[in-house]
N, C-alpha and C. Protein backbone atom coordinates (compact mmCIF):
# COMPACT_ATOMS: atom_id res chain seq x y z
N MET A 1 10.63 -0.75 15.60
CA MET A 1 9.35 -1.49 15.38
C MET A 1 9.17 -1.99 16.48
N THR A 2 8.87 -2.06 17.09
CA THR A 2 8.41 -3.17 18.34
C THR A 2 8.38 -4.54 18.25
N ILE A 3 9.10 -5.66 19.41
CA ILE A 3 8.90 -6.71 18.92
C ILE A 3 7.69 -7.35 19.03
N ASN A 4 6.68 -6.83 19.11
CA ASN A 4 4.89 -7.50 18.94
C ASN A 4 4.41 -7.13 17.89
N GLU A 5 5.18 -5.88 16.95
CA GLU A 5 5.54 -5.51 15.58
C GLU A 5 6.17 -6.30 14.58
N ILE A 6 6.81 -7.44 14.80
CA ILE A 6 7.59 -7.82 14.12
C ILE A 6 7.02 -9.11 14.34
N GLN A 7 6.34 -9.42 15.79
CA GLN A 7 5.78 -11.06 15.98
C GLN A 7 4.86 -10.82 14.93
N ASP A 8 4.02 -10.06 14.61
CA ASP A 8 2.90 -10.41 14.37
C ASP A 8 2.80 -9.85 12.83
N GLU A 9 4.11 -9.48 12.26
CA GLU A 9 4.73 -9.34 10.69
C GLU A 9 4.88 -11.14 10.77
N ILE A 10 5.87 -11.57 11.45
CA ILE A 10 5.94 -12.74 10.82
C ILE A 10 4.89 -13.96 11.29
N ILE A 11 3.77 -13.88 12.25
CA ILE A 11 2.23 -14.78 11.83
C ILE A 11 1.90 -14.20 10.91
N ASP A 12 1.76 -12.78 10.12
CA ASP A 12 1.39 -12.99 8.56
C ASP A 12 1.97 -13.54 7.93
N GLU A 13 3.21 -13.73 7.71
CA GLU A 13 4.02 -14.15 6.81
C GLU A 13 4.23 -15.87 6.69
N PHE A 14 3.72 -16.72 7.72
CA PHE A 14 3.72 -17.66 8.05
C PHE A 14 2.09 -18.10 7.78
N SER A 15 1.47 -17.62 7.93
CA SER A 15 -0.30 -17.46 7.30
C SER A 15 -0.01 -17.80 5.80
N LEU A 16 0.79 -17.32 4.96
CA LEU A 16 0.40 -17.54 3.54
C LEU A 16 0.65 -18.64 3.73
N PHE A 17 1.52 -19.20 3.91
CA PHE A 17 2.08 -20.66 3.65
C PHE A 17 0.82 -21.76 3.75
N GLY A 18 0.20 -22.47 2.89
CA GLY A 18 -0.38 -23.39 3.17
C GLY A 18 -0.52 -25.40 3.73
N ASP A 19 0.92 -25.46 3.79
CA ASP A 19 1.02 -26.79 4.94
C ASP A 19 2.69 -26.61 5.33
N TRP A 20 3.17 -27.33 6.45
CA TRP A 20 4.30 -27.40 6.90
C TRP A 20 5.52 -27.49 6.46
N MET A 21 5.30 -28.12 5.07
CA MET A 21 6.66 -28.67 4.26
C MET A 21 7.27 -26.83 3.97
N GLU A 22 6.31 -25.92 3.42
CA GLU A 22 6.08 -24.96 2.74
C GLU A 22 6.73 -23.75 4.11
N LYS A 23 6.32 -24.19 5.31
CA LYS A 23 6.53 -23.33 6.07
C LYS A 23 8.26 -23.50 6.50
N TYR A 24 8.55 -24.82 6.67
CA TYR A 24 9.95 -25.44 6.20
C TYR A 24 10.77 -25.27 5.32
N GLU A 25 10.32 -24.83 3.90
CA GLU A 25 11.25 -24.28 3.20
C GLU A 25 11.43 -22.74 3.93
N TYR A 26 10.54 -22.11 4.19
CA TYR A 26 10.65 -20.56 4.58
C TYR A 26 11.86 -20.72 5.80
N LEU A 27 11.41 -21.20 6.48
CA LEU A 27 12.54 -21.29 7.63
C LEU A 27 14.48 -21.74 7.14
N ILE A 28 14.02 -22.69 6.32
CA ILE A 28 15.95 -22.94 5.91
C ILE A 28 15.91 -21.78 5.03
N GLU A 29 14.70 -20.93 3.90
CA GLU A 29 15.30 -19.69 3.06
C GLU A 29 15.73 -18.57 4.78
N LEU A 30 15.16 -18.64 5.63
CA LEU A 30 15.69 -17.46 6.68
C LEU A 30 17.07 -17.86 7.17
N GLY A 31 17.04 -19.25 7.40
CA GLY A 31 18.42 -19.35 8.38
C GLY A 31 19.57 -18.98 6.47
N LYS A 32 19.38 -19.34 5.70
CA LYS A 32 20.77 -18.82 5.04
C LYS A 32 20.57 -17.95 4.50
N SER A 33 19.64 -16.46 4.94
CA SER A 33 20.21 -15.47 4.99
C SER A 33 20.71 -14.93 6.35
N LEU A 34 20.36 -15.82 7.64
CA LEU A 34 21.04 -14.87 8.04
C LEU A 34 22.19 -14.46 8.35
N PRO A 35 22.52 -13.69 8.55
CA PRO A 35 24.35 -13.03 8.39
C PRO A 35 25.01 -13.28 9.41
N LEU A 36 26.30 -14.32 8.60
CA LEU A 36 27.15 -14.83 8.95
C LEU A 36 27.72 -14.38 10.84
N ILE A 37 28.13 -15.17 11.37
CA ILE A 37 28.85 -14.72 12.85
C ILE A 37 30.00 -14.70 12.82
N ASP A 38 30.77 -13.90 13.46
CA ASP A 38 32.25 -13.52 13.32
C ASP A 38 33.41 -15.21 13.93
N GLU A 39 33.59 -15.59 12.88
CA GLU A 39 34.21 -16.57 13.20
C GLU A 39 34.97 -17.16 14.66
N GLN A 40 35.64 -15.93 15.08
CA GLN A 40 35.94 -15.68 16.64
C GLN A 40 34.72 -15.94 17.90
N TYR A 41 33.50 -15.90 17.39
CA TYR A 41 32.72 -16.58 17.73
C TYR A 41 32.27 -17.84 18.23
N LYS A 42 32.95 -18.77 17.07
CA LYS A 42 31.99 -19.92 16.84
C LYS A 42 33.19 -21.54 17.81
N THR A 43 32.80 -20.80 19.24
CA THR A 43 33.63 -21.09 20.10
C THR A 43 33.03 -21.94 20.82
N ASP A 44 33.21 -22.89 21.52
CA ASP A 44 32.55 -23.50 22.98
C ASP A 44 32.09 -22.63 23.94
N ASP A 45 32.36 -21.35 24.16
CA ASP A 45 31.71 -20.16 24.87
C ASP A 45 30.28 -19.93 24.45
N HIS A 46 30.32 -19.91 22.86
CA HIS A 46 29.24 -19.37 22.69
C HIS A 46 28.23 -20.27 22.40
N LEU A 47 28.53 -21.38 22.81
CA LEU A 47 27.77 -23.10 21.98
C LEU A 47 26.55 -22.51 22.79
N VAL A 48 25.35 -23.20 22.66
CA VAL A 48 23.55 -22.77 23.24
C VAL A 48 23.87 -24.22 23.76
N ARG A 49 24.10 -24.13 24.82
CA ARG A 49 23.67 -25.96 25.84
C ARG A 49 22.34 -25.85 25.51
N GLY A 50 21.64 -27.17 25.41
CA GLY A 50 20.51 -28.08 25.69
C GLY A 50 20.05 -28.03 23.83
N CYS A 51 20.95 -28.06 23.19
CA CYS A 51 20.43 -28.40 21.37
C CYS A 51 20.81 -29.49 21.12
N GLN A 52 20.35 -29.80 20.11
CA GLN A 52 20.62 -31.35 19.60
C GLN A 52 22.12 -30.75 18.63
N SER A 53 21.26 -29.79 17.56
CA SER A 53 22.47 -29.30 17.31
C SER A 53 23.76 -28.37 17.44
N ARG A 54 24.45 -27.95 16.61
CA ARG A 54 25.52 -26.84 17.52
C ARG A 54 25.23 -25.24 16.84
N VAL A 55 24.32 -24.73 17.99
CA VAL A 55 24.30 -23.16 17.67
C VAL A 55 25.15 -22.31 18.62
N TRP A 56 25.74 -21.69 17.47
CA TRP A 56 26.67 -20.54 18.19
C TRP A 56 25.99 -19.29 18.47
N LEU A 57 26.01 -18.54 19.48
CA LEU A 57 25.02 -17.15 19.89
C LEU A 57 26.17 -16.33 20.50
N HIS A 58 26.40 -15.24 19.96
CA HIS A 58 26.90 -14.05 19.86
C HIS A 58 25.94 -12.63 20.24
N ALA A 59 26.16 -12.28 21.64
CA ALA A 59 25.36 -10.78 21.85
C ALA A 59 26.15 -9.81 22.24
N ARG A 60 26.41 -8.59 21.55
CA ARG A 60 26.84 -7.58 22.48
C ARG A 60 25.69 -6.34 21.97
N LEU A 61 26.62 -5.36 23.23
CA LEU A 61 25.84 -4.26 23.30
C LEU A 61 25.95 -3.10 22.70
N GLY A 62 24.71 -2.18 22.34
CA GLY A 62 25.25 -1.35 21.03
C GLY A 62 25.36 -0.22 22.13
N ASP A 63 25.99 0.89 21.44
CA ASP A 63 25.98 2.10 21.97
C ASP A 63 24.97 2.97 22.30
N ASP A 64 24.05 2.38 21.72
CA ASP A 64 22.51 2.77 21.90
C ASP A 64 21.70 2.81 22.58
N GLY A 65 22.35 1.12 23.34
CA GLY A 65 22.23 1.05 24.96
C GLY A 65 20.71 -0.56 24.38
N LYS A 66 21.05 -0.91 23.02
CA LYS A 66 20.43 -2.16 22.75
C LYS A 66 21.20 -3.38 21.99
N VAL A 67 20.34 -4.08 22.55
CA VAL A 67 21.44 -5.75 22.39
C VAL A 67 21.12 -6.49 21.05
N TYR A 68 22.40 -6.51 20.13
CA TYR A 68 22.51 -6.89 19.26
C TYR A 68 22.79 -8.17 18.98
N PHE A 69 22.39 -9.48 18.62
CA PHE A 69 23.03 -10.85 18.26
C PHE A 69 23.15 -11.24 16.89
N THR A 70 24.03 -11.91 16.82
CA THR A 70 24.22 -12.63 15.20
C THR A 70 24.34 -14.36 15.98
N ALA A 71 24.37 -15.36 15.11
CA ALA A 71 24.18 -16.75 15.48
C ALA A 71 25.10 -17.33 14.03
N ASP A 72 24.89 -19.10 14.56
CA ASP A 72 25.02 -19.36 13.51
C ASP A 72 24.75 -21.36 13.82
N SER A 73 24.90 -21.35 13.16
CA SER A 73 23.99 -23.33 13.77
C SER A 73 24.38 -24.07 12.57
N ASP A 74 24.55 -25.69 12.69
CA ASP A 74 25.20 -26.29 11.79
C ASP A 74 23.75 -27.57 10.81
N ALA A 75 22.21 -26.82 11.50
CA ALA A 75 21.29 -27.13 10.99
C ALA A 75 20.89 -26.33 10.11
N VAL A 76 20.11 -26.35 9.34
CA VAL A 76 19.19 -25.93 8.23
C VAL A 76 18.16 -25.37 8.73
N ILE A 77 17.64 -25.54 9.89
CA ILE A 77 16.07 -26.31 10.76
C ILE A 77 16.70 -24.83 11.78
N THR A 78 17.68 -25.34 12.15
CA THR A 78 18.05 -24.83 13.56
C THR A 78 18.23 -23.46 12.70
N LYS A 79 18.93 -23.33 12.22
CA LYS A 79 19.40 -21.54 11.40
C LYS A 79 18.34 -21.11 11.19
N GLY A 80 17.58 -21.35 10.71
CA GLY A 80 15.82 -20.85 10.53
C GLY A 80 15.60 -20.44 11.48
N ILE A 81 15.37 -21.26 12.69
CA ILE A 81 14.64 -20.88 14.14
C ILE A 81 15.83 -19.60 14.74
N ILE A 82 16.53 -19.50 14.82
CA ILE A 82 17.63 -18.81 15.00
C ILE A 82 17.52 -17.65 15.01
N ALA A 83 17.14 -17.65 13.35
CA ALA A 83 16.72 -15.64 12.96
C ALA A 83 16.01 -15.22 12.70
N LEU A 84 14.77 -16.33 13.56
CA LEU A 84 13.56 -15.53 13.58
C LEU A 84 13.27 -15.00 14.72
N LEU A 85 14.72 -15.72 15.81
CA LEU A 85 14.13 -15.43 17.41
C LEU A 85 15.44 -13.69 17.25
N ILE A 86 15.88 -13.77 16.56
CA ILE A 86 17.49 -12.62 15.85
C ILE A 86 16.18 -11.18 15.53
N ARG A 87 16.04 -11.65 14.46
CA ARG A 87 15.03 -10.91 13.89
C ARG A 87 13.58 -10.38 14.51
N VAL A 88 12.70 -11.12 16.27
CA VAL A 88 12.16 -10.26 16.83
C VAL A 88 13.11 -10.18 18.16
N LEU A 89 14.13 -10.39 18.74
CA LEU A 89 14.95 -9.47 19.65
C LEU A 89 15.91 -8.60 19.59
N SER A 90 16.74 -8.69 18.05
CA SER A 90 17.90 -8.40 17.82
C SER A 90 17.46 -6.42 18.35
N GLY A 91 18.36 -5.69 18.46
CA GLY A 91 17.88 -4.32 18.40
C GLY A 91 16.71 -3.37 18.71
N HIS A 92 16.95 -4.40 20.24
CA HIS A 92 16.16 -4.21 21.87
C HIS A 92 16.51 -3.46 22.71
N THR A 93 15.78 -2.98 23.70
CA THR A 93 16.65 -2.99 25.13
C THR A 93 16.78 -4.19 25.97
N PRO A 94 17.77 -4.42 27.12
CA PRO A 94 17.75 -5.86 27.07
C PRO A 94 15.89 -5.83 28.54
N ARG A 95 16.04 -4.83 28.72
CA ARG A 95 14.47 -4.59 29.79
C ARG A 95 13.45 -5.56 28.72
N GLU A 96 13.16 -4.46 27.09
CA GLU A 96 12.63 -5.22 26.09
C GLU A 96 12.69 -6.67 25.97
N ILE A 97 13.81 -6.95 26.09
CA ILE A 97 13.97 -8.12 25.80
C ILE A 97 13.45 -9.52 26.60
N LEU A 98 14.02 -8.66 27.69
CA LEU A 98 13.54 -9.95 29.08
C LEU A 98 12.02 -10.30 29.70
N GLU A 99 11.10 -8.47 29.33
CA GLU A 99 9.93 -8.49 29.17
C GLU A 99 8.61 -9.09 28.52
N ALA A 100 9.70 -9.33 27.14
CA ALA A 100 8.76 -9.83 25.91
C ALA A 100 8.34 -11.04 25.94
N ASP A 101 6.55 -11.13 25.25
CA ASP A 101 6.53 -12.51 25.48
C ASP A 101 5.97 -12.74 23.93
N LEU A 102 6.84 -13.98 23.74
CA LEU A 102 7.10 -14.96 22.66
C LEU A 102 6.15 -15.26 22.18
N TYR A 103 4.69 -14.88 22.20
CA TYR A 103 3.35 -15.51 21.46
C TYR A 103 3.82 -15.85 19.96
N PHE A 104 4.58 -15.35 19.51
CA PHE A 104 4.99 -15.32 17.62
C PHE A 104 5.07 -16.74 17.29
N ILE A 105 5.62 -17.77 18.38
CA ILE A 105 6.50 -19.27 18.36
C ILE A 105 4.66 -19.86 18.59
N ASP A 106 3.97 -20.41 19.31
CA ASP A 106 2.59 -20.97 19.11
C ASP A 106 1.38 -20.37 18.04
N ARG A 107 1.63 -19.24 17.47
CA ARG A 107 1.22 -18.47 16.93
C ARG A 107 1.35 -19.04 15.37
N ILE A 108 2.29 -19.78 14.85
CA ILE A 108 2.70 -20.18 13.62
C ILE A 108 2.59 -21.44 13.67
N GLY A 109 2.21 -22.11 15.62
CA GLY A 109 2.31 -23.48 15.23
C GLY A 109 3.86 -23.85 15.49
N LEU A 110 4.84 -23.67 15.62
CA LEU A 110 6.42 -23.65 15.43
C LEU A 110 6.52 -25.03 16.67
N LYS A 111 6.21 -24.42 17.44
CA LYS A 111 6.64 -25.65 19.07
C LYS A 111 6.16 -27.05 18.46
N GLU A 112 4.93 -26.92 17.89
CA GLU A 112 4.09 -28.51 18.25
C GLU A 112 4.95 -29.12 16.46
N HIS A 113 5.17 -28.63 16.04
CA HIS A 113 6.18 -29.00 14.54
C HIS A 113 7.35 -29.51 14.60
N LEU A 114 7.77 -29.20 15.55
CA LEU A 114 9.50 -29.71 15.67
C LEU A 114 9.22 -30.84 16.76
N SER A 115 10.79 -31.43 16.44
CA SER A 115 11.05 -32.31 17.29
C SER A 115 10.90 -32.15 18.65
N PRO A 116 10.39 -33.04 19.78
CA PRO A 116 10.90 -32.60 21.39
C PRO A 116 12.53 -31.98 21.03
N THR A 117 13.55 -33.07 20.36
CA THR A 117 14.87 -32.17 20.74
C THR A 117 14.85 -30.80 20.30
N ARG A 118 14.37 -30.47 18.78
CA ARG A 118 14.70 -29.19 18.47
C ARG A 118 13.45 -28.34 19.53
N SER A 119 12.44 -28.62 20.08
CA SER A 119 11.21 -28.06 20.80
C SER A 119 12.66 -27.57 22.23
N ASN A 120 12.94 -28.16 22.28
CA ASN A 120 14.22 -28.13 23.64
C ASN A 120 15.34 -26.61 23.14
N GLY A 121 15.85 -27.57 22.53
CA GLY A 121 17.17 -26.33 21.29
C GLY A 121 15.87 -24.46 21.20
N LEU A 122 15.53 -25.01 20.81
CA LEU A 122 14.29 -23.06 20.59
C LEU A 122 14.26 -23.16 22.33
N VAL A 123 13.51 -23.48 22.95
CA VAL A 123 13.88 -22.92 24.19
C VAL A 123 14.98 -22.87 24.88
N SER A 124 16.25 -23.52 25.05
CA SER A 124 17.34 -23.52 24.90
C SER A 124 18.36 -21.90 24.37
N MET A 125 17.78 -21.77 23.42
CA MET A 125 18.34 -20.57 22.54
C MET A 125 17.68 -19.44 23.26
N LEU A 126 16.19 -19.55 23.09
CA LEU A 126 15.51 -18.65 23.71
C LEU A 126 15.94 -17.84 25.21
N LYS A 127 16.18 -19.05 26.15
CA LYS A 127 16.35 -18.58 27.39
C LYS A 127 17.97 -18.17 27.36
N GLN A 128 19.55 -18.09 26.57
CA GLN A 128 20.44 -17.72 26.09
C GLN A 128 20.17 -16.27 25.94
N MET A 129 19.45 -15.90 24.78
CA MET A 129 19.02 -14.41 24.54
C MET A 129 18.52 -13.65 25.57
N LYS A 130 18.12 -14.64 26.84
CA LYS A 130 17.66 -13.12 27.55
C LYS A 130 18.22 -14.00 28.92
N MET A 131 19.41 -14.61 28.89
CA MET A 131 20.16 -14.70 29.76
C MET A 131 21.40 -13.23 29.37
N TYR A 132 21.95 -13.36 28.02
CA TYR A 132 22.13 -11.61 27.96
C TYR A 132 21.77 -11.12 27.89
N ALA A 133 20.31 -10.43 27.37
CA ALA A 133 19.48 -9.20 28.25
C ALA A 133 19.76 -9.12 29.71
N LEU A 134 20.02 -10.40 30.45
CA LEU A 134 20.06 -9.94 31.77
C LEU A 134 21.46 -9.33 32.18
N ALA A 135 22.16 -10.25 32.21
CA ALA A 135 23.99 -10.13 32.33
C ALA A 135 24.25 -8.11 31.54
N PHE A 136 23.51 -8.01 30.21
CA PHE A 136 23.77 -6.47 29.72
C PHE A 136 22.79 -5.59 30.73
N GLN A 137 21.61 -5.56 31.48
CA GLN A 137 21.03 -5.06 31.94
C GLN A 137 21.42 -4.56 33.68
N GLN A 138 21.89 -5.63 33.74
CA GLN A 138 22.86 -5.24 35.24
C GLN A 138 24.00 -4.74 34.76
N GLN A 139 24.68 -5.22 34.10
CA GLN A 139 25.71 -3.76 33.10
C GLN A 139 25.01 -2.61 33.29
N GLN A 140 24.35 -1.90 32.87
CA GLN A 140 23.86 -1.25 32.84
C GLN A 140 23.59 -0.60 33.92
N ALA A 141 22.65 -1.01 34.90
CA ALA A 141 22.05 -0.68 36.10
C ALA A 141 23.47 -0.17 37.12
């Protein structure tokens, strides 16, 4: 699936919920289903700066030239947010990640329903994912 197809799928899923309490519950469920990050990556080197809660993010470049992310957080909502970002961006090439327009964040109303600190954290997580993609792209050049 393309990044846009995945985003459209997420938009459809969130449209099924009537209010933001249900959407938060869904985010929490997504966070609970996030595959566990290997303990060796739960270090300060993998912490996302700019997040109120602790978020560890690891990326690897697969033999197929695609980037694969794993993450964890000590906050359930944040874990759900990073799970969404991973679902959209993981398994794509560095170029696809760097060129992605992540419109689903606005379309599902995520940014406007987060506290300012969580919203900043979302931006920080996305920025870190794009930084990994940029580093991998430069490695491939």
